[in-house]
Protein backbone atom coordinates (compact mmCIF):
# COMPACT_ATOMS: atom_id res chain seq x y z
CA MET A 1 29.59 -1.25 -1.42
CA GLY A 2 28.72 2.32 -2.27
CA VAL A 3 30.08 4.76 -4.77
CA HIS A 4 32.22 7.46 -3.27
CA LEU A 5 31.16 10.46 -5.31
CA PRO A 6 33.07 13.08 -3.32
CA SER A 7 36.40 11.28 -3.84
CA MET A 8 35.64 10.70 -7.54
CA ALA A 9 34.77 14.38 -7.94
CA PHE A 10 37.99 15.35 -6.17
CA LYS A 11 40.07 13.12 -8.49
CA ALA A 12 38.24 14.50 -11.53
CA LYS A 13 39.07 18.04 -10.39
CA GLN A 14 42.72 17.08 -9.95
CA ILE A 15 42.85 15.59 -13.44
CA PHE A 16 41.14 18.67 -14.89
CA LYS A 17 43.59 21.00 -13.14
CA LEU A 18 46.56 18.96 -14.39
CA HIS A 19 45.17 18.98 -17.94
CA SER A 20 44.60 22.75 -17.74
CA LEU A 21 48.17 23.27 -16.52
CA VAL A 22 49.63 21.18 -19.35
CA THR A 23 47.45 22.92 -21.93
CA ARG A 24 48.39 26.34 -20.58
CA ASN A 25 52.10 25.46 -20.76
CA GLN A 26 51.74 24.27 -24.35
CA LEU A 27 49.87 27.42 -25.33
CA SER A 28 52.41 29.67 -23.64
CA SER A 29 55.13 28.19 -25.85
CA ILE A 30 53.32 29.60 -28.90
CA PRO A 31 54.05 33.28 -29.50
CA LYS A 32 51.21 35.66 -30.22
CA GLY A 33 50.36 35.66 -33.93
CA HIS A 34 51.45 32.04 -34.41
CA PHE A 35 49.82 28.60 -34.25
CA ALA A 36 50.99 25.01 -33.91
CA VAL A 37 50.67 22.37 -36.62
CA TYR A 38 51.63 18.71 -36.60
CA VAL A 39 53.33 17.58 -39.79
CA GLY A 40 54.17 14.13 -41.08
CA GLN A 41 52.75 11.04 -42.66
CA THR A 42 53.46 8.50 -39.94
CA GLU A 43 55.42 10.23 -37.20
CA LYS A 44 54.17 13.76 -36.51
CA LYS A 45 56.43 16.68 -35.64
CA ARG A 46 55.15 19.93 -34.14
CA PHE A 47 55.89 23.24 -35.86
CA VAL A 48 54.91 26.75 -34.80
CA VAL A 49 54.16 29.01 -37.77
CA PRO A 50 52.88 32.58 -38.23
CA VAL A 51 49.14 33.04 -38.83
CA THR A 52 50.01 35.05 -41.95
CA TYR A 53 50.73 31.72 -43.68
CA LEU A 54 46.99 31.05 -43.63
CA ASN A 55 46.50 33.61 -46.39
CA HIS A 56 49.02 32.07 -48.78
CA PRO A 57 47.58 29.81 -51.54
CA SER A 58 50.32 27.17 -51.14
CA PHE A 59 49.62 26.82 -47.44
CA GLN A 60 45.89 26.72 -48.13
CA GLU A 61 46.51 23.72 -50.42
CA LEU A 62 48.13 21.91 -47.50
CA LEU A 63 45.14 22.77 -45.34
CA SER A 64 42.79 21.38 -47.99
CA SER A 65 44.68 18.09 -48.02
CA ALA A 66 44.45 17.99 -44.21
CA GLU A 67 40.71 18.57 -44.43
CA GLU A 68 40.34 15.76 -46.98
CA GLU A 69 42.26 13.31 -44.81
CA PHE A 70 41.10 14.27 -41.32
CA GLY A 71 38.00 16.44 -41.73
CA PHE A 72 37.64 18.42 -38.55
CA SER A 73 38.76 15.58 -36.27
CA HIS A 74 42.52 15.85 -35.81
CA PRO A 75 44.06 12.91 -33.92
CA MET A 76 46.88 14.99 -32.43
CA GLY A 77 44.45 17.46 -30.90
CA GLY A 78 45.72 20.25 -33.12
CA LEU A 79 45.95 20.96 -36.80
CA THR A 80 47.56 17.97 -38.52
CA ILE A 81 49.01 18.27 -42.03
CA PRO A 82 49.62 14.93 -43.79
CA CYS A 83 52.70 15.67 -45.88
CA LYS A 84 56.39 14.90 -45.70
CA GLU A 85 58.27 17.00 -43.19
CA SER A 86 60.74 18.04 -45.90
CA THR A 87 57.88 19.26 -48.12
CA PHE A 88 56.49 21.36 -45.26
CA ILE A 89 59.90 22.85 -44.44
CA ASN A 90 60.50 23.63 -48.12
CA LEU A 91 57.13 25.38 -48.41
CA THR A 92 57.44 27.37 -45.18
CA SER A 93 60.99 28.48 -46.03
CA ARG A 94 59.65 29.88 -49.32
CA LEU A 95 56.81 31.62 -47.43
CA THR A 96 59.28 33.15 -44.98
CA ASN A 97 61.11 34.77 -47.91
CA TYR A 98 57.82 35.82 -49.53
């Protein structure tokens, strides 16, 4: 009973290509000058926001709370902000009018 390295390598390549395709599709849904964040305390919802929000002190407070809770390891694979969805929407709507 031997290990079939060529077939394992082929399957690994297929998985890598599929992952790359999925990642590319997710990235293409984010317009230039924006980034995705996942917001919520239990159930996370994805939002796409402008990078200009990163300079605003209120948004930086949210990022600090995310750093305290998650450090640099985000379970969703992207930036995760642990606040209520309504709080995030309220803040970002004020930033949009800023």
